[in-house]
Amino acid sequence: MRNRLILSFLLGVLVLVGLALYADVAKLSQVLVGFTWAYVPAILGLTAYNYVLRFFKWHYYLGQIGLKGVHLRDSAIIFVAGFTMAMTPGKVGELFKAYALKQSHGVAISRAAPIVVAERLTDGLATVILALVGVSLYRPAWPFVLVLVLMMLSGVVVIQMRPLCLRLLEWAGRLPLVSRFIEPLRAFYESSYQLLGWRNFLLGVGIGVLSWSGEAIAFYLVLSGLGLGPVFPPDLVLLQKGVFIGAIATLTGAVTALPGGLGAADLSITALMLALVNPNQDIAVAATLLIRFCTLWFGVSLGALTLLVYRRRFFPPAAPEVVPETRS
């Protein structure tokens, strides 16, 4: 995993260099110098607001599968450390949180992993809802958004068809290659069924809309800092465009399964900026770099720092090998 993370970081550097070369480096530097840097604390604060709400959803889900004994501090450490795993393909590394629960509290990975799935589903649908705010601005996005909604909701519907799922598990348990994994599969399904019940699912989506709205407003502050609109009163049309661009970029990065959406999300922001906000490529690239540093890279940095400080909690040192004494 360490090697994959290093490769992901190198890919991130290449994306940043590519964007800088796409724009005129000298003009891009002038745009960045002219940015209102006093907005950065507010932008990072809105990103942190997103993280806080998402953490409470994570901790609530722990209680829903019977893990109410996990201390709030331990839960927060595991959650923030998981930010680093956004840099793994498809964010599969976020299953690290399930591994961390096993290391710290002895929870079976098959029992805790559905929390990560529920987080991704509810955050994904929340992002789709935000994308609908501005989808009328860019008609080609309609099919993409509609397909995502149908895929997410169909997955939840199937999981809630309990008799069918139990029969499928019973049938799978008779297969030679699957029978040895049937108990972890049952545990995975039971947790998924509990977490994706309609009440928990809708609550998770509601929290997701509120939390990801923070990053949408943060993007508006980036645009405002670049001189594209006033902070107060806000330009509602520009805000609508910002919400749409941020949501579509997030969804595009998720669908491509690239580490941190690198390349896909960045190019989506730049392209939609050019199409909907400002045809100046230097401003479009500057907006992309600023919002990605204040969201993706800010989160990854927090996760890496947390993982470094508490690494022994997640990766305890191996016990020294005992070599039997030999009698001469």
C-alpha atoms as a PDB file:
ATOM      1  CA  MET A   1       0.000   0.000   0.000  1.00  0.00           C
ATOM      2  CA  ARG A   2       2.885   2.357   0.774  1.00  0.00           C
ATOM      3  CA  ASN A   3       4.278   1.910  -2.742  1.00  0.00           C
ATOM      4  CA  ARG A   4       0.842   2.541  -4.275  1.00  0.00           C
ATOM      5  CA  LEU A   5       0.445   5.721  -2.242  1.00  0.00           C
ATOM      6  CA  ILE A   6       3.862   6.942  -3.414  1.00  0.00           C
ATOM      7  CA  LEU A   7       2.869   6.288  -7.036  1.00  0.00           C
ATOM      8  CA  SER A   8      -0.396   8.158  -6.467  1.00  0.00           C
ATOM      9  CA  PHE A   9       1.471  11.168  -5.083  1.00  0.00           C
ATOM     10  CA  LEU A  10       3.785  11.132  -8.110  1.00  0.00           C
ATOM     11  CA  LEU A  11       0.703  11.038 -10.351  1.00  0.00           C
ATOM     12  CA  GLY A  12      -0.635  14.043  -8.451  1.00  0.00           C
ATOM     13  CA  VAL A  13       2.572  15.963  -9.109  1.00  0.00           C
ATOM     14  CA  LEU A  14       2.350  15.107 -12.814  1.00  0.00           C
ATOM     15  CA  VAL A  15      -1.253  16.364 -12.940  1.00  0.00           C
ATOM     16  CA  LEU A  16      -0.241  19.643 -11.292  1.00  0.00           C
ATOM     17  CA  VAL A  17       2.680  20.095 -13.682  1.00  0.00           C
ATOM     18  CA  GLY A  18       0.449  19.248 -16.654  1.00  0.00           C
ATOM     19  CA  LEU A  19      -2.137  21.845 -15.646  1.00  0.00           C
ATOM     20  CA  ALA A  20       0.545  24.479 -15.128  1.00  0.00           C
ATOM     21  CA  LEU A  21       1.980  23.762 -18.571  1.00  0.00           C
ATOM     22  CA  TYR A  22      -1.486  23.873 -20.150  1.00  0.00           C
ATOM     23  CA  ALA A  23      -1.807  27.401 -18.868  1.00  0.00           C
ATOM     24  CA  ASP A  24       0.865  30.019 -19.396  1.00  0.00           C
ATOM     25  CA  VAL A  25       3.079  29.585 -16.323  1.00  0.00           C
ATOM     26  CA  ALA A  26       3.919  33.285 -16.090  1.00  0.00           C
ATOM     27  CA  LYS A  27       0.277  34.361 -16.430  1.00  0.00           C
ATOM     28  CA  LEU A  28      -0.845  31.621 -14.034  1.00  0.00           C
ATOM     29  CA  SER A  29       1.616  32.930 -11.464  1.00  0.00           C
ATOM     30  CA  GLN A  30       0.177  36.435 -11.858  1.00  0.00           C
ATOM     31  CA  VAL A  31      -3.368  35.102 -11.353  1.00  0.00           C
ATOM     32  CA  LEU A  32      -2.315  33.244  -8.203  1.00  0.00           C
ATOM     33  CA  VAL A  33      -0.477  36.295  -6.848  1.00  0.00           C
ATOM     34  CA  GLY A  34      -3.643  38.333  -7.388  1.00  0.00           C
ATOM     35  CA  PHE A  35      -5.810  35.806  -5.533  1.00  0.00           C
ATOM     36  CA  THR A  36      -7.310  37.060  -2.253  1.00  0.00           C
ATOM     37  CA  TRP A  37      -5.314  34.764   0.054  1.00  0.00           C
ATOM     38  CA  ALA A  38      -7.193  36.073   3.097  1.00  0.00           C
ATOM     39  CA  TYR A  39     -10.035  33.756   1.992  1.00  0.00           C
ATOM     40  CA  VAL A  40      -7.932  30.608   2.487  1.00  0.00           C
ATOM     41  CA  PRO A  41      -8.728  30.131   6.228  1.00  0.00           C
ATOM     42  CA  ALA A  42     -12.463  30.324   5.428  1.00  0.00           C
ATOM     43  CA  ILE A  43     -12.053  27.895   2.507  1.00  0.00           C
ATOM     44  CA  LEU A  44     -10.175  25.407   4.703  1.00  0.00           C
ATOM     45  CA  GLY A  45     -12.752  25.946   7.458  1.00  0.00           C
ATOM     46  CA  LEU A  46     -15.569  24.982   5.083  1.00  0.00           C
ATOM     47  CA  THR A  47     -13.612  21.893   4.033  1.00  0.00           C
ATOM     48  CA  ALA A  48     -13.161  21.003   7.717  1.00  0.00           C
ATOM     49  CA  TYR A  49     -16.913  21.525   8.233  1.00  0.00           C
ATOM     50  CA  ASN A  50     -17.465  18.865   5.556  1.00  0.00           C
ATOM     51  CA  TYR A  51     -15.117  16.496   7.386  1.00  0.00           C
ATOM     52  CA  VAL A  52     -16.792  17.057  10.764  1.00  0.00           C
ATOM     53  CA  LEU A  53     -20.277  16.251   9.469  1.00  0.00           C
ATOM     54  CA  ARG A  54     -18.994  13.204   7.616  1.00  0.00           C
ATOM     55  CA  PHE A  55     -17.257  12.036  10.786  1.00  0.00           C
ATOM     56  CA  PHE A  56     -20.482  12.164  12.777  1.00  0.00           C
ATOM     57  CA  LYS A  57     -22.138  10.091  10.064  1.00  0.00           C
ATOM     58  CA  TRP A  58     -19.293   7.559  10.331  1.00  0.00           C
ATOM     59  CA  HIS A  59     -19.612   7.425  14.124  1.00  0.00           C
ATOM     60  CA  TYR A  60     -23.407   7.118  13.920  1.00  0.00           C
ATOM     61  CA  TYR A  61     -23.002   4.168  11.540  1.00  0.00           C
ATOM     62  CA  LEU A  62     -20.658   2.496  14.025  1.00  0.00           C
ATOM     63  CA  GLY A  63     -23.464   2.562  16.572  1.00  0.00           C
ATOM     64  CA  GLN A  64     -25.947   1.195  14.046  1.00  0.00           C
ATOM     65  CA  ILE A  65     -23.977  -2.053  13.655  1.00  0.00           C
ATOM     66  CA  GLY A  66     -23.567  -2.410  17.405  1.00  0.00           C
ATOM     67  CA  LEU A  67     -20.132  -0.808  17.870  1.00  0.00           C
ATOM     68  CA  LYS A  68     -21.215   1.753  20.454  1.00  0.00           C
ATOM     69  CA  GLY A  69     -18.179   0.904  22.580  1.00  0.00           C
ATOM     70  CA  VAL A  70     -15.769   2.658  20.206  1.00  0.00           C
ATOM     71  CA  HIS A  71     -14.609   5.828  21.962  1.00  0.00           C
ATOM     72  CA  LEU A  72     -15.266   9.085  20.098  1.00  0.00           C
ATOM     73  CA  ARG A  73     -11.524   9.909  20.078  1.00  0.00           C
ATOM     74  CA  ASP A  74     -10.552   6.510  18.630  1.00  0.00           C
ATOM     75  CA  SER A  75     -13.307   6.805  16.061  1.00  0.00           C
ATOM     76  CA  ALA A  76     -12.046  10.256  14.994  1.00  0.00           C
ATOM     77  CA  ILE A  77      -8.439   9.044  14.693  1.00  0.00           C
ATOM     78  CA  ILE A  78      -9.480   6.154  12.456  1.00  0.00           C
ATOM     79  CA  PHE A  79     -11.733   8.369  10.357  1.00  0.00           C
ATOM     80  CA  VAL A  80      -9.136  11.095   9.735  1.00  0.00           C
ATOM     81  CA  ALA A  81      -6.335   8.592   9.094  1.00  0.00           C
ATOM     82  CA  GLY A  82      -8.549   7.152   6.355  1.00  0.00           C
ATOM     83  CA  PHE A  83      -8.260  10.405   4.370  1.00  0.00           C
ATOM     84  CA  THR A  84      -4.847   9.259   3.164  1.00  0.00           C
ATOM     85  CA  MET A  85      -6.500   6.282   1.491  1.00  0.00           C
ATOM     86  CA  ALA A  86      -8.369   8.592  -0.878  1.00  0.00           C
ATOM     87  CA  MET A  87      -5.147   8.309  -2.889  1.00  0.00           C
ATOM     88  CA  THR A  88      -5.748   4.626  -3.624  1.00  0.00           C
ATOM     89  CA  PRO A  89      -7.536   3.502  -6.835  1.00  0.00           C
ATOM     90  CA  GLY A  90     -11.293   3.664  -6.366  1.00  0.00           C
ATOM     91  CA  LYS A  91     -10.657   4.674  -2.742  1.00  0.00           C
ATOM     92  CA  VAL A  92     -10.549   0.954  -1.915  1.00  0.00           C
ATOM     93  CA  GLY A  93      -7.863   1.844   0.593  1.00  0.00           C
ATOM     94  CA  GLU A  94     -10.599   3.380   2.738  1.00  0.00           C
ATOM     95  CA  LEU A  95     -11.283  -0.199   3.829  1.00  0.00           C
ATOM     96  CA  PHE A  96      -8.272   0.603   5.988  1.00  0.00           C
ATOM     97  CA  LYS A  97     -10.830   1.981   8.457  1.00  0.00           C
ATOM     98  CA  ALA A  98     -12.331  -1.491   8.795  1.00  0.00           C
ATOM     99  CA  TYR A  99      -8.826  -2.912   9.252  1.00  0.00           C
ATOM    100  CA  ALA A 100      -8.076  -0.260  11.894  1.00  0.00           C
ATOM    101  CA  LEU A 101     -11.227  -1.215  13.814  1.00  0.00           C
ATOM    102  CA  LYS A 102     -10.060  -4.815  13.781  1.00  0.00           C
ATOM    103  CA  GLN A 103      -6.620  -3.820  15.057  1.00  0.00           C
ATOM    104  CA  SER A 104      -7.931  -1.548  17.811  1.00  0.00           C
ATOM    105  CA  HIS A 105     -11.230  -3.178  18.814  1.00  0.00           C
ATOM    106  CA  GLY A 106     -11.169  -6.675  17.382  1.00  0.00           C
ATOM    107  CA  VAL A 107     -14.080  -6.002  14.993  1.00  0.00           C
ATOM    108  CA  ALA A 108     -14.311  -8.371  12.029  1.00  0.00           C
ATOM    109  CA  ILE A 109     -13.492  -6.584   8.773  1.00  0.00           C
ATOM    110  CA  SER A 110     -16.542  -8.142   7.105  1.00  0.00           C
ATOM    111  CA  ARG A 111     -18.726  -6.512   9.760  1.00  0.00           C
ATOM    112  CA  ALA A 112     -17.210  -3.012   9.549  1.00  0.00           C
ATOM    113  CA  ALA A 113     -16.497  -2.770   5.796  1.00  0.00           C
ATOM    114  CA  PRO A 114     -20.158  -2.017   4.904  1.00  0.00           C
ATOM    115  CA  ILE A 115     -19.795   1.301   6.750  1.00  0.00           C
ATOM    116  CA  VAL A 116     -17.331   2.422   4.073  1.00  0.00           C
ATOM    117  CA  VAL A 117     -19.746   1.248   1.367  1.00  0.00           C
ATOM    118  CA  ALA A 118     -22.646   3.117   3.022  1.00  0.00           C
ATOM    119  CA  GLU A 119     -20.508   6.259   3.264  1.00  0.00           C
ATOM    120  CA  ARG A 120     -19.630   6.113  -0.424  1.00  0.00           C
ATOM    121  CA  LEU A 121     -23.231   5.491  -1.482  1.00  0.00           C
ATOM    122  CA  THR A 122     -24.781   8.239   0.643  1.00  0.00           C
ATOM    123  CA  ASP A 123     -22.043  10.753  -0.201  1.00  0.00           C
ATOM    124  CA  GLY A 124     -22.391   9.838  -3.867  1.00  0.00           C
ATOM    125  CA  LEU A 125     -26.146  10.399  -3.936  1.00  0.00           C
ATOM    126  CA  ALA A 126     -25.732  13.630  -1.952  1.00  0.00           C
ATOM    127  CA  THR A 127     -23.251  14.838  -4.589  1.00  0.00           C
ATOM    128  CA  VAL A 128     -25.709  13.909  -7.340  1.00  0.00           C
ATOM    129  CA  ILE A 129     -28.389  15.987  -5.591  1.00  0.00           C
ATOM    130  CA  LEU A 130     -25.991  18.943  -5.527  1.00  0.00           C
ATOM    131  CA  ALA A 131     -25.219  18.392  -9.209  1.00  0.00           C
ATOM    132  CA  LEU A 132     -28.945  18.696  -9.950  1.00  0.00           C
ATOM    133  CA  VAL A 133     -28.734  22.281  -8.674  1.00  0.00           C
ATOM    134  CA  GLY A 134     -26.921  23.276 -11.844  1.00  0.00           C
ATOM    135  CA  VAL A 135     -27.491  20.449 -14.307  1.00  0.00           C
ATOM    136  CA  SER A 136     -29.775  22.710 -16.361  1.00  0.00           C
ATOM    137  CA  LEU A 137     -26.662  24.769 -17.135  1.00  0.00           C
ATOM    138  CA  TYR A 138     -25.026  21.888 -18.964  1.00  0.00           C
ATOM    139  CA  ARG A 139     -27.497  19.550 -20.669  1.00  0.00           C
ATOM    140  CA  PRO A 140     -24.919  16.862 -21.669  1.00  0.00           C
ATOM    141  CA  ALA A 141     -24.531  16.023 -17.960  1.00  0.00           C
ATOM    142  CA  TRP A 142     -28.132  14.796 -17.636  1.00  0.00           C
ATOM    143  CA  PRO A 143     -27.537  11.163 -18.810  1.00  0.00           C
ATOM    144  CA  PHE A 144     -24.429  10.858 -16.592  1.00  0.00           C
ATOM    145  CA  VAL A 145     -26.303  12.075 -13.494  1.00  0.00           C
ATOM    146  CA  LEU A 146     -29.387   9.947 -14.225  1.00  0.00           C
ATOM    147  CA  VAL A 147     -27.379   6.732 -14.665  1.00  0.00           C
ATOM    148  CA  LEU A 148     -25.575   7.342 -11.363  1.00  0.00           C
ATOM    149  CA  VAL A 149     -28.865   7.870  -9.500  1.00  0.00           C
ATOM    150  CA  LEU A 150     -30.353   4.659 -10.920  1.00  0.00           C
ATOM    151  CA  MET A 151     -27.228   2.629 -10.094  1.00  0.00           C
ATOM    152  CA  MET A 152     -27.067   3.836  -6.500  1.00  0.00           C
ATOM    153  CA  LEU A 153     -30.764   3.420  -5.758  1.00  0.00           C
ATOM    154  CA  SER A 154     -30.928  -0.011  -7.401  1.00  0.00           C
ATOM    155  CA  GLY A 155     -28.099  -1.215  -5.159  1.00  0.00           C
ATOM    156  CA  VAL A 156     -29.951  -0.062  -2.055  1.00  0.00           C
ATOM    157  CA  VAL A 157     -33.222  -1.629  -3.244  1.00  0.00           C
ATOM    158  CA  VAL A 158     -31.551  -5.005  -3.861  1.00  0.00           C
ATOM    159  CA  ILE A 159     -29.914  -5.010  -0.420  1.00  0.00           C
ATOM    160  CA  GLN A 160     -33.294  -4.293   1.202  1.00  0.00           C
ATOM    161  CA  MET A 161     -34.847  -7.339  -0.547  1.00  0.00           C
ATOM    162  CA  ARG A 162     -33.874  -9.482   2.415  1.00  0.00           C
ATOM    163  CA  PRO A 163     -35.573 -12.815   1.482  1.00  0.00           C
ATOM    164  CA  LEU A 164     -33.938 -12.745  -1.946  1.00  0.00           C
ATOM    165  CA  CYS A 165     -30.492 -11.894  -0.550  1.00  0.00           C
ATOM    166  CA  LEU A 166     -30.711 -14.593   2.128  1.00  0.00           C
ATOM    167  CA  ARG A 167     -31.666 -17.189  -0.488  1.00  0.00           C
ATOM    168  CA  LEU A 168     -28.738 -16.094  -2.651  1.00  0.00           C
ATOM    169  CA  LEU A 169     -26.385 -16.432   0.317  1.00  0.00           C
ATOM    170  CA  GLU A 170     -27.794 -19.874   1.090  1.00  0.00           C
ATOM    171  CA  TRP A 171     -27.271 -20.933  -2.531  1.00  0.00           C
ATOM    172  CA  ALA A 172     -23.748 -19.466  -2.575  1.00  0.00           C
ATOM    173  CA  GLY A 173     -22.917 -21.401   0.596  1.00  0.00           C
ATOM    174  CA  ARG A 174     -23.286 -24.655  -1.343  1.00  0.00           C
ATOM    175  CA  LEU A 175     -20.613 -23.668  -3.863  1.00  0.00           C
ATOM    176  CA  PRO A 176     -17.217 -25.211  -3.069  1.00  0.00           C
ATOM    177  CA  LEU A 177     -15.197 -22.055  -3.696  1.00  0.00           C
ATOM    178  CA  VAL A 178     -17.593 -19.761  -1.817  1.00  0.00           C
ATOM    179  CA  SER A 179     -18.629 -21.908   1.156  1.00  0.00           C
ATOM    180  CA  ARG A 180     -15.462 -21.127   3.122  1.00  0.00           C
ATOM    181  CA  PHE A 181     -16.260 -17.388   2.932  1.00  0.00           C
ATOM    182  CA  ILE A 182     -19.980 -17.633   3.603  1.00  0.00           C
ATOM    183  CA  GLU A 183     -19.860 -16.468   7.228  1.00  0.00           C
ATOM    184  CA  PRO A 184     -17.938 -13.240   6.443  1.00  0.00           C
ATOM    185  CA  LEU A 185     -20.343 -12.698   3.535  1.00  0.00           C
ATOM    186  CA  ARG A 186     -23.321 -13.078   5.869  1.00  0.00           C
ATOM    187  CA  ALA A 187     -21.776 -10.602   8.323  1.00  0.00           C
ATOM    188  CA  PHE A 188     -21.134  -8.177   5.452  1.00  0.00           C
ATOM    189  CA  TYR A 189     -24.739  -8.456   4.282  1.00  0.00           C
ATOM    190  CA  GLU A 190     -26.240  -8.061   7.766  1.00  0.00           C
ATOM    191  CA  SER A 191     -24.265  -4.861   8.365  1.00  0.00           C
ATOM    192  CA  SER A 192     -25.178  -3.570   4.895  1.00  0.00           C
ATOM    193  CA  TYR A 193     -28.858  -4.322   5.460  1.00  0.00           C
ATOM    194  CA  GLN A 194     -28.814  -2.426   8.751  1.00  0.00           C
ATOM    195  CA  LEU A 195     -26.884   0.592   7.426  1.00  0.00           C
ATOM    196  CA  LEU A 196     -28.824   0.920   4.183  1.00  0.00           C
ATOM    197  CA  GLY A 197     -32.260   0.687   5.715  1.00  0.00           C
ATOM    198  CA  TRP A 198     -34.291   3.575   4.369  1.00  0.00           C
ATOM    199  CA  ARG A 199     -34.121   5.652   7.549  1.00  0.00           C
ATOM    200  CA  ASN A 200     -30.353   5.327   7.897  1.00  0.00           C
ATOM    201  CA  PHE A 201     -29.863   5.756   4.168  1.00  0.00           C
ATOM    202  CA  LEU A 202     -31.919   8.946   3.916  1.00  0.00           C
ATOM    203  CA  LEU A 203     -30.288  10.341   7.057  1.00  0.00           C
ATOM    204  CA  GLY A 204     -26.866   9.639   5.551  1.00  0.00           C
ATOM    205  CA  VAL A 205     -27.816  11.340   2.285  1.00  0.00           C
ATOM    206  CA  GLY A 206     -29.171  14.362   4.194  1.00  0.00           C
ATOM    207  CA  ILE A 207     -25.940  14.697   6.163  1.00  0.00           C
ATOM    208  CA  GLY A 208     -24.032  14.282   2.897  1.00  0.00           C
ATOM    209  CA  VAL A 209     -25.898  17.146   1.231  1.00  0.00           C
ATOM    210  CA  LEU A 210     -25.146  19.426   4.195  1.00  0.00           C
ATOM    211  CA  SER A 211     -21.498  18.384   4.426  1.00  0.00           C
ATOM    212  CA  TRP A 212     -20.638  18.577   0.710  1.00  0.00           C
ATOM    213  CA  SER A 213     -22.401  21.940   0.516  1.00  0.00           C
ATOM    214  CA  GLY A 214     -19.473  23.212   2.573  1.00  0.00           C
ATOM    215  CA  GLU A 215     -17.023  22.397  -0.204  1.00  0.00           C
ATOM    216  CA  ALA A 216     -19.418  23.918  -2.761  1.00  0.00           C
ATOM    217  CA  ILE A 217     -19.365  27.223  -0.863  1.00  0.00           C
ATOM    218  CA  ALA A 218     -15.579  26.881  -0.515  1.00  0.00           C
ATOM    219  CA  PHE A 219     -15.336  26.688  -4.302  1.00  0.00           C
ATOM    220  CA  TYR A 220     -17.435  29.836  -4.590  1.00  0.00           C
ATOM    221  CA  LEU A 221     -14.963  31.602  -2.296  1.00  0.00           C
ATOM    222  CA  VAL A 222     -12.155  30.463  -4.591  1.00  0.00           C
ATOM    223  CA  LEU A 223     -13.989  31.953  -7.566  1.00  0.00           C
ATOM    224  CA  SER A 224     -14.648  35.125  -5.601  1.00  0.00           C
ATOM    225  CA  GLY A 225     -10.999  35.339  -4.570  1.00  0.00           C
ATOM    226  CA  LEU A 226     -10.084  35.208  -8.251  1.00  0.00           C
ATOM    227  CA  GLY A 227     -12.261  38.251  -8.846  1.00  0.00           C
ATOM    228  CA  LEU A 228     -15.147  36.434 -10.558  1.00  0.00           C
ATOM    229  CA  GLY A 229     -17.882  37.472  -8.124  1.00  0.00           C
ATOM    230  CA  PRO A 230     -18.604  39.230  -4.809  1.00  0.00           C
ATOM    231  CA  VAL A 231     -18.498  37.431  -1.488  1.00  0.00           C
ATOM    232  CA  PHE A 232     -21.553  39.219  -0.139  1.00  0.00           C
ATOM    233  CA  PRO A 233     -24.149  39.374  -1.396  1.00  0.00           C
ATOM    234  CA  PRO A 234     -23.195  36.262  -3.368  1.00  0.00           C
ATOM    235  CA  ASP A 235     -23.707  36.019  -7.092  1.00  0.00           C
ATOM    236  CA  LEU A 236     -26.370  33.276  -7.086  1.00  0.00           C
ATOM    237  CA  VAL A 237     -25.742  32.314 -10.708  1.00  0.00           C
ATOM    238  CA  LEU A 238     -21.999  31.943 -10.076  1.00  0.00           C
ATOM    239  CA  LEU A 239     -22.754  29.999  -6.887  1.00  0.00           C
ATOM    240  CA  GLN A 240     -25.023  27.672  -8.876  1.00  0.00           C
ATOM    241  CA  LYS A 241     -22.258  27.117 -11.416  1.00  0.00           C
ATOM    242  CA  GLY A 242     -19.724  26.488  -8.655  1.00  0.00           C
ATOM    243  CA  VAL A 243     -21.943  23.898  -6.948  1.00  0.00           C
ATOM    244  CA  PHE A 244     -22.492  22.132 -10.268  1.00  0.00           C
ATOM    245  CA  ILE A 245     -18.818  22.126 -11.279  1.00  0.00           C
ATOM    246  CA  GLY A 246     -17.661  20.837  -7.894  1.00  0.00           C
ATOM    247  CA  ALA A 247     -20.290  18.073  -7.818  1.00  0.00           C
ATOM    248  CA  ILE A 248     -19.665  16.887 -11.390  1.00  0.00           C
ATOM    249  CA  ALA A 249     -15.898  16.877 -10.842  1.00  0.00           C
ATOM    250  CA  THR A 250     -16.300  14.792  -7.660  1.00  0.00           C
ATOM    251  CA  LEU A 251     -18.587  12.308  -9.428  1.00  0.00           C
ATOM    252  CA  THR A 252     -16.282  12.074 -12.445  1.00  0.00           C
ATOM    253  CA  GLY A 253     -13.310  11.356 -10.198  1.00  0.00           C
ATOM    254  CA  ALA A 254     -15.302   8.661  -8.361  1.00  0.00           C
ATOM    255  CA  VAL A 255     -16.524   6.957 -11.550  1.00  0.00           C
ATOM    256  CA  THR A 256     -13.035   6.803 -13.096  1.00  0.00           C
ATOM    257  CA  ALA A 257     -11.733   5.192  -9.869  1.00  0.00           C
ATOM    258  CA  LEU A 258      -8.426   7.043 -10.243  1.00  0.00           C
ATOM    259  CA  PRO A 259      -6.552   7.750  -6.985  1.00  0.00           C
ATOM    260  CA  GLY A 260      -8.144  10.869  -5.528  1.00  0.00           C
ATOM    261  CA  GLY A 261      -9.847  11.393  -8.900  1.00  0.00           C
ATOM    262  CA  LEU A 262      -6.472  12.707 -10.090  1.00  0.00           C
ATOM    263  CA  GLY A 263      -6.615  13.952 -13.624  1.00  0.00           C
ATOM    264  CA  ALA A 264     -10.317  13.255 -14.131  1.00  0.00           C
ATOM    265  CA  ALA A 265     -11.608  15.624 -11.443  1.00  0.00           C
ATOM    266  CA  ASP A 266      -8.970  18.255 -12.231  1.00  0.00           C
ATOM    267  CA  LEU A 267      -9.694  18.248 -15.946  1.00  0.00           C
ATOM    268  CA  SER A 268     -13.448  18.317 -15.260  1.00  0.00           C
ATOM    269  CA  ILE A 269     -13.101  21.450 -13.130  1.00  0.00           C
ATOM    270  CA  THR A 270     -10.899  23.157 -15.713  1.00  0.00           C
ATOM    271  CA  ALA A 271     -13.118  22.215 -18.676  1.00  0.00           C
ATOM    272  CA  LEU A 272     -16.366  23.247 -16.953  1.00  0.00           C
ATOM    273  CA  MET A 273     -14.774  26.483 -15.775  1.00  0.00           C
ATOM    274  CA  LEU A 274     -13.875  27.281 -19.388  1.00  0.00           C
ATOM    275  CA  ALA A 275     -17.342  26.326 -20.615  1.00  0.00           C
ATOM    276  CA  LEU A 276     -19.529  27.899 -17.924  1.00  0.00           C
ATOM    277  CA  VAL A 277     -17.616  30.537 -15.952  1.00  0.00           C
ATOM    278  CA  ASN A 278     -14.615  32.112 -17.650  1.00  0.00           C
ATOM    279  CA  PRO A 279     -12.927  31.349 -21.002  1.00  0.00           C
ATOM    280  CA  ASN A 280      -9.526  32.399 -19.625  1.00  0.00           C
ATOM    281  CA  GLN A 281      -7.529  29.182 -19.199  1.00  0.00           C
ATOM    282  CA  ASP A 282      -5.150  30.722 -16.652  1.00  0.00           C
ATOM    283  CA  ILE A 283      -8.061  31.557 -14.333  1.00  0.00           C
ATOM    284  CA  ALA A 284      -9.643  28.131 -14.929  1.00  0.00           C
ATOM    285  CA  VAL A 285      -6.404  26.329 -14.022  1.00  0.00           C
ATOM    286  CA  ALA A 286      -5.830  28.591 -11.007  1.00  0.00           C
ATOM    287  CA  ALA A 287      -9.322  27.795  -9.699  1.00  0.00           C
ATOM    288  CA  THR A 288      -8.641  24.073 -10.180  1.00  0.00           C
ATOM    289  CA  LEU A 289      -5.303  24.155  -8.369  1.00  0.00           C
ATOM    290  CA  LEU A 290      -6.639  26.216  -5.463  1.00  0.00           C
ATOM    291  CA  ILE A 291      -9.756  24.134  -4.780  1.00  0.00           C
ATOM    292  CA  ARG A 292      -7.876  20.847  -5.104  1.00  0.00           C
ATOM    293  CA  PHE A 293      -5.184  22.004  -2.681  1.00  0.00           C
ATOM    294  CA  CYS A 294      -7.842  23.165  -0.201  1.00  0.00           C
ATOM    295  CA  THR A 295      -9.898  19.951  -0.420  1.00  0.00           C
ATOM    296  CA  LEU A 296      -8.125  16.817  -1.664  1.00  0.00           C
ATOM    297  CA  TRP A 297      -4.567  17.700  -0.635  1.00  0.00           C
ATOM    298  CA  PHE A 298      -5.664  19.302   2.636  1.00  0.00           C
ATOM    299  CA  GLY A 299      -7.495  16.107   3.591  1.00  0.00           C
ATOM    300  CA  VAL A 300      -4.676  13.822   2.480  1.00  0.00           C
ATOM    301  CA  SER A 301      -2.204  15.879   4.533  1.00  0.00           C
ATOM    302  CA  LEU A 302      -4.394  15.616   7.647  1.00  0.00           C
ATOM    303  CA  GLY A 303      -4.736  11.872   7.110  1.00  0.00           C
ATOM    304  CA  ALA A 304      -1.011  11.351   6.574  1.00  0.00           C
ATOM    305  CA  LEU A 305      -0.155  13.335   9.719  1.00  0.00           C
ATOM    306  CA  THR A 306      -2.679  11.361  11.786  1.00  0.00           C
ATOM    307  CA  LEU A 307      -1.437   8.074  10.367  1.00  0.00           C
ATOM    308  CA  LEU A 308       2.143   9.032  11.180  1.00  0.00           C
ATOM    309  CA  VAL A 309       1.389  10.080  14.772  1.00  0.00           C
ATOM    310  CA  TYR A 310      -0.753   7.019  15.549  1.00  0.00           C
ATOM    311  CA  ARG A 311       0.950   4.484  13.276  1.00  0.00           C
ATOM    312  CA  ARG A 312       1.729   2.066  16.123  1.00  0.00           C
ATOM    313  CA  ARG A 313      -1.970   1.872  16.935  1.00  0.00           C
ATOM    314  CA  PHE A 314      -2.717   0.653  13.406  1.00  0.00           C
ATOM    315  CA  PHE A 315       0.518  -1.186  12.630  1.00  0.00           C
ATOM    316  CA  PRO A 316       1.902  -2.560  15.914  1.00  0.00           C
ATOM    317  CA  PRO A 317       5.500  -3.780  15.708  1.00  0.00           C
ATOM    318  CA  ALA A 318       5.822  -7.480  15.103  1.00  0.00           C
ATOM    319  CA  ALA A 319       6.816  -9.553  18.088  1.00  0.00           C
ATOM    320  CA  PRO A 320      10.488 -10.575  17.924  1.00  0.00           C
ATOM    321  CA  GLU A 321      11.035 -14.090  16.746  1.00  0.00           C
ATOM    322  CA  VAL A 322      12.050 -16.409  19.561  1.00  0.00           C
ATOM    323  CA  VAL A 323      14.998 -18.571  18.592  1.00  0.00           C
ATOM    324  CA  PRO A 324      15.163 -21.757  20.641  1.00  0.00           C
ATOM    325  CA  GLU A 325      18.364 -22.218  22.596  1.00  0.00           C
ATOM    326  CA  THR A 326      20.663 -25.022  21.508  1.00  0.00           C
ATOM    327  CA  ARG A 327      22.532 -27.005  24.053  1.00  0.00           C
ATOM    328  CA  SER A 328      26.169 -27.623  23.396  1.00  0.00           C
END
